[in-house]
Amino acid sequence: MHSHTTELVAATTNLIAKGTDTGVKIRMDAPWMGFMRTIAGQIIGTGAILTVVFIVIAAIVWGGAKAFGAGHAQNIGVMGVIIGIIVCVLLGSAASMVMYFTGFNLFA
């Protein structure tokens, strides 16, 4: 049993190492691609605006809690600001991540 597993793994590794061309090419000229790009851009833009609003509200909570000495609310405000910044970074780098992981140019 072990030798069959080793053979299968070796054959799979050999196939991956050689590389396989399936003949499938990515085509970005479909009629709906413009619409999909517009929708994706609107979603990312709306998400960025809502995230900035979230950061502002979290900063106000943080500042208000700091002024009035509410320790738990300060923690909530700080976590809100940190989470908002992380979300902004992810939204801002979404196109670059898609280009990196898929290998095709989104801006062509």
PDB file of N, CA and C in Angstrom:
ATOM      1  N   MET A   1       0.828  -1.190   0.000  1.00  0.00           N
ATOM      2  CA  MET A   1       0.000   0.000   0.000  1.00  0.00           C
ATOM      3  C   MET A   1       0.867   1.246   0.000  1.00  0.00           C
ATOM      4  N   HIS A   2       1.920   1.225   0.813  1.00  0.00           N
ATOM      5  CA  HIS A   2       2.785   2.395   0.922  1.00  0.00           C
ATOM      6  C   HIS A   2       3.489   2.689  -0.405  1.00  0.00           C
ATOM      7  N   SER A   3       3.869   1.636  -1.136  1.00  0.00           N
ATOM      8  CA  SER A   3       4.574   1.845  -2.404  1.00  0.00           C
ATOM      9  C   SER A   3       3.647   2.470  -3.447  1.00  0.00           C
ATOM     10  N   HIS A   4       2.358   2.117  -3.421  1.00  0.00           N
ATOM     11  CA  HIS A   4       1.409   2.714  -4.359  1.00  0.00           C
ATOM     12  C   HIS A   4       1.227   4.204  -4.066  1.00  0.00           C
ATOM     13  N   THR A   5       1.164   4.538  -2.794  1.00  0.00           N
ATOM     14  CA  THR A   5       1.038   5.945  -2.415  1.00  0.00           C
ATOM     15  C   THR A   5       2.276   6.716  -2.837  1.00  0.00           C
ATOM     16  N   THR A   6       3.441   6.136  -2.620  1.00  0.00           N
ATOM     17  CA  THR A   6       4.691   6.789  -3.011  1.00  0.00           C
ATOM     18  C   THR A   6       4.744   6.975  -4.518  1.00  0.00           C
ATOM     19  N   GLU A   7       4.312   5.960  -5.270  1.00  0.00           N
ATOM     20  CA  GLU A   7       4.288   6.073  -6.734  1.00  0.00           C
ATOM     21  C   GLU A   7       3.352   7.186  -7.189  1.00  0.00           C
ATOM     22  N   LEU A   8       2.178   7.256  -6.590  1.00  0.00           N
ATOM     23  CA  LEU A   8       1.200   8.275  -6.957  1.00  0.00           C
ATOM     24  C   LEU A   8       1.733   9.668  -6.657  1.00  0.00           C
ATOM     25  N   VAL A   9       2.329   9.846  -5.499  1.00  0.00           N
ATOM     26  CA  VAL A   9       2.890  11.147  -5.139  1.00  0.00           C
ATOM     27  C   VAL A   9       4.034  11.507  -6.074  1.00  0.00           C
ATOM     28  N   ALA A  10       4.891  10.548  -6.393  1.00  0.00           N
ATOM     29  CA  ALA A  10       6.012  10.814  -7.295  1.00  0.00           C
ATOM     30  C   ALA A  10       5.513  11.180  -8.688  1.00  0.00           C
ATOM     31  N   ALA A  11       4.505  10.477  -9.179  1.00  0.00           N
ATOM     32  CA  ALA A  11       3.963  10.780 -10.504  1.00  0.00           C
ATOM     33  C   ALA A  11       3.308  12.154 -10.527  1.00  0.00           C
ATOM     34  N   THR A  12       2.576  12.485  -9.487  1.00  0.00           N
ATOM     35  CA  THR A  12       1.929  13.795  -9.412  1.00  0.00           C
ATOM     36  C   THR A  12       2.964  14.903  -9.333  1.00  0.00           C
ATOM     37  N   THR A  13       3.984  14.711  -8.516  1.00  0.00           N
ATOM     38  CA  THR A  13       5.049  15.708  -8.391  1.00  0.00           C
ATOM     39  C   THR A  13       5.773  15.882  -9.714  1.00  0.00           C
ATOM     40  N   ASN A  14       6.025  14.791 -10.420  1.00  0.00           N
ATOM     41  CA  ASN A  14       6.693  14.856 -11.711  1.00  0.00           C
ATOM     42  C   ASN A  14       5.839  15.612 -12.718  1.00  0.00           C
ATOM     43  N   LEU A  15       4.532  15.374 -12.717  1.00  0.00           N
ATOM     44  CA  LEU A  15       3.625  16.063 -13.635  1.00  0.00           C
ATOM     45  C   LEU A  15       3.581  17.557 -13.336  1.00  0.00           C
ATOM     46  N   ILE A  16       3.527  17.908 -12.060  1.00  0.00           N
ATOM     47  CA  ILE A  16       3.503  19.317 -11.684  1.00  0.00           C
ATOM     48  C   ILE A  16       4.821  19.978 -12.043  1.00  0.00           C
ATOM     49  N   ALA A  17       5.931  19.286 -11.834  1.00  0.00           N
ATOM     50  CA  ALA A  17       7.243  19.857 -12.129  1.00  0.00           C
ATOM     51  C   ALA A  17       7.413  20.108 -13.623  1.00  0.00           C
ATOM     52  N   LYS A  18       6.873  19.230 -14.466  1.00  0.00           N
ATOM     53  CA  LYS A  18       6.979  19.416 -15.913  1.00  0.00           C
ATOM     54  C   LYS A  18       6.130  20.585 -16.382  1.00  0.00           C
ATOM     55  N   GLY A  19       5.043  20.832 -15.726  1.00  0.00           N
ATOM     56  CA  GLY A  19       4.124  21.880 -16.164  1.00  0.00           C
ATOM     57  C   GLY A  19       3.193  21.329 -17.227  1.00  0.00           C
ATOM     58  N   THR A  20       1.974  21.717 -17.174  1.00  0.00           N
ATOM     59  CA  THR A  20       0.992  21.224 -18.119  1.00  0.00           C
ATOM     60  C   THR A  20       0.294  22.409 -18.753  1.00  0.00           C
ATOM     61  N   ASP A  21       0.276  22.446 -20.078  1.00  0.00           N
ATOM     62  CA  ASP A  21      -0.435  23.495 -20.790  1.00  0.00           C
ATOM     63  C   ASP A  21      -1.781  22.932 -21.213  1.00  0.00           C
ATOM     64  N   THR A  22      -2.831  23.430 -20.607  1.00  0.00           N
ATOM     65  CA  THR A  22      -4.164  22.926 -20.919  1.00  0.00           C
ATOM     66  C   THR A  22      -4.721  23.538 -22.193  1.00  0.00           C
ATOM     67  N   GLY A  23      -4.088  24.583 -22.690  1.00  0.00           N
ATOM     68  CA  GLY A  23      -4.563  25.247 -23.889  1.00  0.00           C
ATOM     69  C   GLY A  23      -5.647  26.274 -23.626  1.00  0.00           C
ATOM     70  N   VAL A  24      -6.010  26.469 -22.374  1.00  0.00           N
ATOM     71  CA  VAL A  24      -7.040  27.438 -22.028  1.00  0.00           C
ATOM     72  C   VAL A  24      -6.380  28.791 -21.824  1.00  0.00           C
ATOM     73  N   LYS A  25      -6.866  29.789 -22.531  1.00  0.00           N
ATOM     74  CA  LYS A  25      -6.336  31.150 -22.416  1.00  0.00           C
ATOM     75  C   LYS A  25      -7.399  32.043 -21.785  1.00  0.00           C
ATOM     76  N   ILE A  26      -6.962  32.934 -20.926  1.00  0.00           N
ATOM     77  CA  ILE A  26      -7.882  33.868 -20.291  1.00  0.00           C
ATOM     78  C   ILE A  26      -8.218  34.966 -21.285  1.00  0.00           C
ATOM     79  N   ARG A  27      -9.505  35.173 -21.506  1.00  0.00           N
ATOM     80  CA  ARG A  27      -9.959  36.231 -22.410  1.00  0.00           C
ATOM     81  C   ARG A  27     -10.753  37.238 -21.605  1.00  0.00           C
ATOM     82  N   MET A  28     -10.361  38.488 -21.712  1.00  0.00           N
ATOM     83  CA  MET A  28     -11.018  39.551 -20.958  1.00  0.00           C
ATOM     84  C   MET A  28     -11.917  40.402 -21.853  1.00  0.00           C
ATOM     85  N   ASP A  29     -12.301  39.881 -23.029  1.00  0.00           N
ATOM     86  CA  ASP A  29     -13.088  40.683 -23.967  1.00  0.00           C
ATOM     87  C   ASP A  29     -14.565  40.269 -24.024  1.00  0.00           C
ATOM     88  N   ALA A  30     -15.041  39.606 -22.998  1.00  0.00           N
ATOM     89  CA  ALA A  30     -16.455  39.227 -22.959  1.00  0.00           C
ATOM     90  C   ALA A  30     -17.317  40.485 -22.850  1.00  0.00           C
ATOM     91  N   PRO A  31     -18.530  40.465 -23.403  1.00  0.00           N
ATOM     92  CA  PRO A  31     -19.362  41.671 -23.409  1.00  0.00           C
ATOM     93  C   PRO A  31     -19.743  42.173 -22.015  1.00  0.00           C
ATOM     94  N   TRP A  32     -19.764  41.307 -21.032  1.00  0.00           N
ATOM     95  CA  TRP A  32     -20.169  41.725 -19.693  1.00  0.00           C
ATOM     96  C   TRP A  32     -18.993  42.164 -18.815  1.00  0.00           C
ATOM     97  N   MET A  33     -17.771  42.104 -19.319  1.00  0.00           N
ATOM     98  CA  MET A  33     -16.613  42.437 -18.488  1.00  0.00           C
ATOM     99  C   MET A  33     -16.606  43.904 -18.061  1.00  0.00           C
ATOM    100  N   GLY A  34     -17.012  44.806 -18.939  1.00  0.00           N
ATOM    101  CA  GLY A  34     -17.073  46.216 -18.565  1.00  0.00           C
ATOM    102  C   GLY A  34     -18.050  46.448 -17.428  1.00  0.00           C
ATOM    103  N   PHE A  35     -19.206  45.811 -17.526  1.00  0.00           N
ATOM    104  CA  PHE A  35     -20.218  45.918 -16.470  1.00  0.00           C
ATOM    105  C   PHE A  35     -19.696  45.348 -15.154  1.00  0.00           C
ATOM    106  N   MET A  36     -19.037  44.186 -15.224  1.00  0.00           N
ATOM    107  CA  MET A  36     -18.515  43.558 -14.011  1.00  0.00           C
ATOM    108  C   MET A  36     -17.426  44.414 -13.370  1.00  0.00           C
ATOM    109  N   ARG A  37     -16.581  45.027 -14.193  1.00  0.00           N
ATOM    110  CA  ARG A  37     -15.547  45.914 -13.645  1.00  0.00           C
ATOM    111  C   ARG A  37     -16.179  47.122 -12.968  1.00  0.00           C
ATOM    112  N   THR A  38     -17.238  47.665 -13.586  1.00  0.00           N
ATOM    113  CA  THR A  38     -17.922  48.812 -12.989  1.00  0.00           C
ATOM    114  C   THR A  38     -18.531  48.437 -11.646  1.00  0.00           C
ATOM    115  N   ILE A  39     -19.218  47.311 -11.592  1.00  0.00           N
ATOM    116  CA  ILE A  39     -19.841  46.860 -10.344  1.00  0.00           C
ATOM    117  C   ILE A  39     -18.774  46.599  -9.279  1.00  0.00           C
ATOM    118  N   ALA A  40     -17.694  45.921  -9.658  1.00  0.00           N
ATOM    119  CA  ALA A  40     -16.631  45.638  -8.688  1.00  0.00           C
ATOM    120  C   ALA A  40     -16.017  46.932  -8.169  1.00  0.00           C
ATOM    121  N   GLY A  41     -15.803  47.893  -9.052  1.00  0.00           N
ATOM    122  CA  GLY A  41     -15.263  49.182  -8.625  1.00  0.00           C
ATOM    123  C   GLY A  41     -16.201  49.916  -7.690  1.00  0.00           C
ATOM    124  N   GLN A  42     -17.497  49.854  -7.982  1.00  0.00           N
ATOM    125  CA  GLN A  42     -18.470  50.512  -7.111  1.00  0.00           C
ATOM    126  C   GLN A  42     -18.531  49.840  -5.740  1.00  0.00           C
ATOM    127  N   ILE A  43     -18.451  48.530  -5.718  1.00  0.00           N
ATOM    128  CA  ILE A  43     -18.478  47.813  -4.439  1.00  0.00           C
ATOM    129  C   ILE A  43     -17.241  48.153  -3.611  1.00  0.00           C
ATOM    130  N   ILE A  44     -16.074  48.141  -4.245  1.00  0.00           N
ATOM    131  CA  ILE A  44     -14.842  48.454  -3.519  1.00  0.00           C
ATOM    132  C   ILE A  44     -14.850  49.906  -3.058  1.00  0.00           C
ATOM    133  N   GLY A  45     -15.318  50.824  -3.908  1.00  0.00           N
ATOM    134  CA  GLY A  45     -15.389  52.237  -3.523  1.00  0.00           C
ATOM    135  C   GLY A  45     -16.348  52.472  -2.372  1.00  0.00           C
ATOM    136  N   THR A  46     -17.516  51.843  -2.438  1.00  0.00           N
ATOM    137  CA  THR A  46     -18.486  51.970  -1.348  1.00  0.00           C
ATOM    138  C   THR A  46     -17.934  51.374  -0.058  1.00  0.00           C
ATOM    139  N   GLY A  47     -17.280  50.241  -0.178  1.00  0.00           N
ATOM    140  CA  GLY A  47     -16.666  49.630   1.003  1.00  0.00           C
ATOM    141  C   GLY A  47     -15.602  50.517   1.618  1.00  0.00           C
ATOM    142  N   ALA A  48     -14.810  51.180   0.779  1.00  0.00           N
ATOM    143  CA  ALA A  48     -13.771  52.077   1.296  1.00  0.00           C
ATOM    144  C   ALA A  48     -14.389  53.263   2.027  1.00  0.00           C
ATOM    145  N   ILE A  49     -15.436  53.842   1.450  1.00  0.00           N
ATOM    146  CA  ILE A  49     -16.092  54.987   2.096  1.00  0.00           C
ATOM    147  C   ILE A  49     -16.721  54.566   3.422  1.00  0.00           C
ATOM    148  N   LEU A  50     -17.423  53.437   3.434  1.00  0.00           N
ATOM    149  CA  LEU A  50     -18.038  52.965   4.676  1.00  0.00           C
ATOM    150  C   LEU A  50     -16.990  52.620   5.732  1.00  0.00           C
ATOM    151  N   THR A  51     -15.854  52.107   5.291  1.00  0.00           N
ATOM    152  CA  THR A  51     -14.790  51.791   6.240  1.00  0.00           C
ATOM    153  C   THR A  51     -14.204  53.052   6.852  1.00  0.00           C
ATOM    154  N   VAL A  52     -14.038  54.095   6.042  1.00  0.00           N
ATOM    155  CA  VAL A  52     -13.536  55.363   6.581  1.00  0.00           C
ATOM    156  C   VAL A  52     -14.535  55.944   7.582  1.00  0.00           C
ATOM    157  N   VAL A  53     -15.830  55.867   7.271  1.00  0.00           N
ATOM    158  CA  VAL A  53     -16.851  56.331   8.217  1.00  0.00           C
ATOM    159  C   VAL A  53     -16.769  55.518   9.510  1.00  0.00           C
ATOM    160  N   PHE A  54     -16.583  54.216   9.386  1.00  0.00           N
ATOM    161  CA  PHE A  54     -16.441  53.348  10.557  1.00  0.00           C
ATOM    162  C   PHE A  54     -15.233  53.751  11.397  1.00  0.00           C
ATOM    163  N   ILE A  55     -14.109  54.062  10.731  1.00  0.00           N
ATOM    164  CA  ILE A  55     -12.903  54.480  11.454  1.00  0.00           C
ATOM    165  C   ILE A  55     -13.153  55.786  12.197  1.00  0.00           C
ATOM    166  N   VAL A  56     -13.835  56.728  11.546  1.00  0.00           N
ATOM    167  CA  VAL A  56     -14.128  58.012  12.199  1.00  0.00           C
ATOM    168  C   VAL A  56     -15.009  57.792  13.433  1.00  0.00           C
ATOM    169  N   ILE A  57     -16.038  56.973  13.305  1.00  0.00           N
ATOM    170  CA  ILE A  57     -16.916  56.697  14.454  1.00  0.00           C
ATOM    171  C   ILE A  57     -16.135  56.003  15.570  1.00  0.00           C
ATOM    172  N   ALA A  58     -15.287  55.040  15.205  1.00  0.00           N
ATOM    173  CA  ALA A  58     -14.484  54.345  16.217  1.00  0.00           C
ATOM    174  C   ALA A  58     -13.519  55.307  16.900  1.00  0.00           C
ATOM    175  N   ALA A  59     -12.951  56.247  16.134  1.00  0.00           N
ATOM    176  CA  ALA A  59     -12.043  57.233  16.729  1.00  0.00           C
ATOM    177  C   ALA A  59     -12.794  58.170  17.674  1.00  0.00           C
ATOM    178  N   ILE A  60     -14.021  58.531  17.316  1.00  0.00           N
ATOM    179  CA  ILE A  60     -14.839  59.372  18.205  1.00  0.00           C
ATOM    180  C   ILE A  60     -15.166  58.616  19.496  1.00  0.00           C
ATOM    181  N   VAL A  61     -15.517  57.337  19.366  1.00  0.00           N
ATOM    182  CA  VAL A  61     -15.780  56.514  20.557  1.00  0.00           C
ATOM    183  C   VAL A  61     -14.523  56.433  21.417  1.00  0.00           C
ATOM    184  N   TRP A  62     -13.386  56.217  20.771  1.00  0.00           N
ATOM    185  CA  TRP A  62     -12.116  56.121  21.485  1.00  0.00           C
ATOM    186  C   TRP A  62     -11.809  57.423  22.223  1.00  0.00           C
ATOM    187  N   GLY A  63     -11.940  58.547  21.517  1.00  0.00           N
ATOM    188  CA  GLY A  63     -11.665  59.848  22.129  1.00  0.00           C
ATOM    189  C   GLY A  63     -12.632  60.182  23.254  1.00  0.00           C
ATOM    190  N   GLY A  64     -13.916  59.916  23.031  1.00  0.00           N
ATOM    191  CA  GLY A  64     -14.912  60.177  24.068  1.00  0.00           C
ATOM    192  C   GLY A  64     -14.690  59.314  25.295  1.00  0.00           C
ATOM    193  N   ALA A  65     -14.351  58.061  25.070  1.00  0.00           N
ATOM    194  CA  ALA A  65     -14.093  57.162  26.194  1.00  0.00           C
ATOM    195  C   ALA A  65     -12.840  57.583  26.947  1.00  0.00           C
ATOM    196  N   LYS A  66     -11.859  58.064  26.203  1.00  0.00           N
ATOM    197  CA  LYS A  66     -10.632  58.547  26.848  1.00  0.00           C
ATOM    198  C   LYS A  66     -10.931  59.775  27.704  1.00  0.00           C
ATOM    199  N   ALA A  67     -11.767  60.672  27.185  1.00  0.00           N
ATOM    200  CA  ALA A  67     -12.096  61.905  27.907  1.00  0.00           C
ATOM    201  C   ALA A  67     -12.895  61.625  29.175  1.00  0.00           C
ATOM    202  N   PHE A  68     -13.768  60.625  29.119  1.00  0.00           N
ATOM    203  CA  PHE A  68     -14.628  60.346  30.266  1.00  0.00           C
ATOM    204  C   PHE A  68     -14.139  59.172  31.113  1.00  0.00           C
ATOM    205  N   GLY A  69     -12.999  58.604  30.760  1.00  0.00           N
ATOM    206  CA  GLY A  69     -12.406  57.548  31.578  1.00  0.00           C
ATOM    207  C   GLY A  69     -13.090  56.205  31.501  1.00  0.00           C
ATOM    208  N   ALA A  70     -13.715  55.901  30.384  1.00  0.00           N
ATOM    209  CA  ALA A  70     -14.377  54.599  30.213  1.00  0.00           C
ATOM    210  C   ALA A  70     -13.392  53.638  29.546  1.00  0.00           C
ATOM    211  N   GLY A  71     -12.758  52.801  30.350  1.00  0.00           N
ATOM    212  CA  GLY A  71     -11.697  51.925  29.856  1.00  0.00           C
ATOM    213  C   GLY A  71     -12.158  50.914  28.823  1.00  0.00           C
ATOM    214  N   HIS A  72     -13.314  50.292  29.044  1.00  0.00           N
ATOM    215  CA  HIS A  72     -13.798  49.278  28.099  1.00  0.00           C
ATOM    216  C   HIS A  72     -14.135  49.903  26.744  1.00  0.00           C
ATOM    217  N   ALA A  73     -14.734  51.077  26.764  1.00  0.00           N
ATOM    218  CA  ALA A  73     -15.064  51.756  25.507  1.00  0.00           C
ATOM    219  C   ALA A  73     -13.799  52.189  24.774  1.00  0.00           C
ATOM    220  N   GLN A  74     -12.734  52.503  25.508  1.00  0.00           N
ATOM    221  CA  GLN A  74     -11.463  52.824  24.860  1.00  0.00           C
ATOM    222  C   GLN A  74     -10.947  51.621  24.081  1.00  0.00           C
ATOM    223  N   ASN A  75     -11.030  50.438  24.687  1.00  0.00           N
ATOM    224  CA  ASN A  75     -10.594  49.219  23.997  1.00  0.00           C
ATOM    225  C   ASN A  75     -11.419  48.975  22.741  1.00  0.00           C
ATOM    226  N   ILE A  76     -12.718  49.190  22.834  1.00  0.00           N
ATOM    227  CA  ILE A  76     -13.591  49.007  21.670  1.00  0.00           C
ATOM    228  C   ILE A  76     -13.225  50.005  20.576  1.00  0.00           C
ATOM    229  N   GLY A  77     -12.988  51.258  20.956  1.00  0.00           N
ATOM    230  CA  GLY A  77     -12.614  52.274  19.976  1.00  0.00           C
ATOM    231  C   GLY A  77     -11.297  51.968  19.295  1.00  0.00           C
ATOM    232  N   VAL A  78     -10.303  51.549  20.066  1.00  0.00           N
ATOM    233  CA  VAL A  78      -8.993  51.210  19.489  1.00  0.00           C
ATOM    234  C   VAL A  78      -9.126  50.025  18.541  1.00  0.00           C
ATOM    235  N   MET A  79      -9.853  48.995  18.958  1.00  0.00           N
ATOM    236  CA  MET A  79     -10.038  47.828  18.088  1.00  0.00           C
ATOM    237  C   MET A  79     -10.786  48.205  16.815  1.00  0.00           C
ATOM    238  N   GLY A  80     -11.760  49.102  16.929  1.00  0.00           N
ATOM    239  CA  GLY A  80     -12.477  49.564  15.745  1.00  0.00           C
ATOM    240  C   GLY A  80     -11.563  50.278  14.770  1.00  0.00           C
ATOM    241  N   VAL A  81     -10.688  51.134  15.278  1.00  0.00           N
ATOM    242  CA  VAL A  81      -9.748  51.846  14.408  1.00  0.00           C
ATOM    243  C   VAL A  81      -8.786  50.864  13.746  1.00  0.00           C
ATOM    244  N   ILE A  82      -8.254  49.927  14.510  1.00  0.00           N
ATOM    245  CA  ILE A  82      -7.304  48.956  13.951  1.00  0.00           C
ATOM    246  C   ILE A  82      -7.977  48.081  12.899  1.00  0.00           C
ATOM    247  N   ILE A  83      -9.158  47.576  13.194  1.00  0.00           N
ATOM    248  CA  ILE A  83      -9.877  46.741  12.221  1.00  0.00           C
ATOM    249  C   ILE A  83     -10.210  47.546  10.970  1.00  0.00           C
ATOM    250  N   GLY A  84     -10.629  48.790  11.138  1.00  0.00           N
ATOM    251  CA  GLY A  84     -10.928  49.639   9.989  1.00  0.00           C
ATOM    252  C   GLY A  84      -9.718  49.873   9.108  1.00  0.00           C
ATOM    253  N   ILE A  85      -8.561  50.089   9.713  1.00  0.00           N
ATOM    254  CA  ILE A  85      -7.342  50.295   8.930  1.00  0.00           C
ATOM    255  C   ILE A  85      -6.971  49.025   8.172  1.00  0.00           C
ATOM    256  N   ILE A  86      -7.102  47.876   8.812  1.00  0.00           N
ATOM    257  CA  ILE A  86      -6.806  46.608   8.135  1.00  0.00           C
ATOM    258  C   ILE A  86      -7.748  46.398   6.954  1.00  0.00           C
ATOM    259  N   VAL A  87      -9.029  46.691   7.137  1.00  0.00           N
ATOM    260  CA  VAL A  87      -9.998  46.544   6.040  1.00  0.00           C
ATOM    261  C   VAL A  87      -9.662  47.500   4.900  1.00  0.00           C
ATOM    262  N   CYS A  88      -9.277  48.736   5.228  1.00  0.00           N
ATOM    263  CA  CYS A  88      -8.888  49.693   4.179  1.00  0.00           C
ATOM    264  C   CYS A  88      -7.687  49.197   3.388  1.00  0.00           C
ATOM    265  N   VAL A  89      -6.712  48.624   4.068  1.00  0.00           N
ATOM    266  CA  VAL A  89      -5.533  48.090   3.375  1.00  0.00           C
ATOM    267  C   VAL A  89      -5.943  46.948   2.452  1.00  0.00           C
ATOM    268  N   LEU A  90      -6.808  46.058   2.927  1.00  0.00           N
ATOM    269  CA  LEU A  90      -7.255  44.942   2.089  1.00  0.00           C
ATOM    270  C   LEU A  90      -8.064  45.422   0.890  1.00  0.00           C
ATOM    271  N   LEU A  91      -8.952  46.393   1.100  1.00  0.00           N
ATOM    272  CA  LEU A  91      -9.734  46.926  -0.019  1.00  0.00           C
ATOM    273  C   LEU A  91      -8.839  47.637  -1.022  1.00  0.00           C
ATOM    274  N   GLY A  92      -7.869  48.371  -0.521  1.00  0.00           N
ATOM    275  CA  GLY A  92      -6.970  49.101  -1.411  1.00  0.00           C
ATOM    276  C   GLY A  92      -6.073  48.194  -2.229  1.00  0.00           C
ATOM    277  N   SER A  93      -5.778  47.034  -1.695  1.00  0.00           N
ATOM    278  CA  SER A  93      -4.892  46.127  -2.414  1.00  0.00           C
ATOM    279  C   SER A  93      -5.647  45.000  -3.116  1.00  0.00           C
ATOM    280  N   ALA A  94      -6.960  45.094  -3.201  1.00  0.00           N
ATOM    281  CA  ALA A  94      -7.762  44.015  -3.797  1.00  0.00           C
ATOM    282  C   ALA A  94      -7.382  43.757  -5.252  1.00  0.00           C
ATOM    283  N   ALA A  95      -7.248  44.808  -6.046  1.00  0.00           N
ATOM    284  CA  ALA A  95      -6.906  44.621  -7.462  1.00  0.00           C
ATOM    285  C   ALA A  95      -5.524  44.004  -7.607  1.00  0.00           C
ATOM    286  N   SER A  96      -4.588  44.443  -6.794  1.00  0.00           N
ATOM    287  CA  SER A  96      -3.239  43.876  -6.860  1.00  0.00           C
ATOM    288  C   SER A  96      -3.236  42.410  -6.452  1.00  0.00           C
ATOM    289  N   MET A  97      -4.040  42.053  -5.449  1.00  0.00           N
ATOM    290  CA  MET A  97      -4.113  40.654  -5.037  1.00  0.00           C
ATOM    291  C   MET A  97      -4.714  39.791  -6.144  1.00  0.00           C
ATOM    292  N   VAL A  98      -5.750  40.291  -6.805  1.00  0.00           N
ATOM    293  CA  VAL A  98      -6.352  39.531  -7.905  1.00  0.00           C
ATOM    294  C   VAL A  98      -5.341  39.352  -9.028  1.00  0.00           C
ATOM    295  N   MET A  99      -4.624  40.416  -9.371  1.00  0.00           N
ATOM    296  CA  MET A  99      -3.617  40.310 -10.430  1.00  0.00           C
ATOM    297  C   MET A  99      -2.526  39.317 -10.049  1.00  0.00           C
ATOM    298  N   TYR A 100      -2.083  39.340  -8.801  1.00  0.00           N
ATOM    299  CA  TYR A 100      -1.009  38.453  -8.359  1.00  0.00           C
ATOM    300  C   TYR A 100      -1.455  36.991  -8.372  1.00  0.00           C
ATOM    301  N   PHE A 101      -2.629  36.702  -7.810  1.00  0.00           N
ATOM    302  CA  PHE A 101      -3.051  35.317  -7.665  1.00  0.00           C
ATOM    303  C   PHE A 101      -3.589  34.706  -8.956  1.00  0.00           C
ATOM    304  N   THR A 102      -4.111  35.520  -9.872  1.00  0.00           N
ATOM    305  CA  THR A 102      -4.641  34.961 -11.112  1.00  0.00           C
ATOM    306  C   THR A 102      -3.662  35.050 -12.262  1.00  0.00           C
ATOM    307  N   GLY A 103      -2.766  36.011 -12.231  1.00  0.00           N
ATOM    308  CA  GLY A 103      -1.749  36.115 -13.265  1.00  0.00           C
ATOM    309  C   GLY A 103      -2.168  36.891 -14.495  1.00  0.00           C
ATOM    310  N   PHE A 104      -3.325  37.535 -14.495  1.00  0.00           N
ATOM    311  CA  PHE A 104      -3.666  38.347 -15.656  1.00  0.00           C
ATOM    312  C   PHE A 104      -3.849  39.797 -15.264  1.00  0.00           C
ATOM    313  N   ASN A 105      -3.651  40.667 -16.251  1.00  0.00           N
ATOM    314  CA  ASN A 105      -3.651  42.102 -16.024  1.00  0.00           C
ATOM    315  C   ASN A 105      -5.079  42.629 -16.016  1.00  0.00           C
ATOM    316  N   LEU A 106      -5.480  43.246 -14.928  1.00  0.00           N
ATOM    317  CA  LEU A 106      -6.824  43.805 -14.833  1.00  0.00           C
ATOM    318  C   LEU A 106      -6.936  45.154 -15.520  1.00  0.00           C
ATOM    319  N   PHE A 107      -5.816  45.794 -15.769  1.00  0.00           N
ATOM    320  CA  PHE A 107      -5.832  47.152 -16.289  1.00  0.00           C
ATOM    321  C   PHE A 107      -5.537  47.209 -17.781  1.00  0.00           C
ATOM    322  N   ALA A 108      -5.629  46.087 -18.469  1.00  0.00           N
ATOM    323  CA  ALA A 108      -5.335  46.058 -19.912  1.00  0.00           C
ATOM    324  C   ALA A 108      -6.522  46.541 -20.711  1.00  0.00           C
TER     325      ALA A 108
END
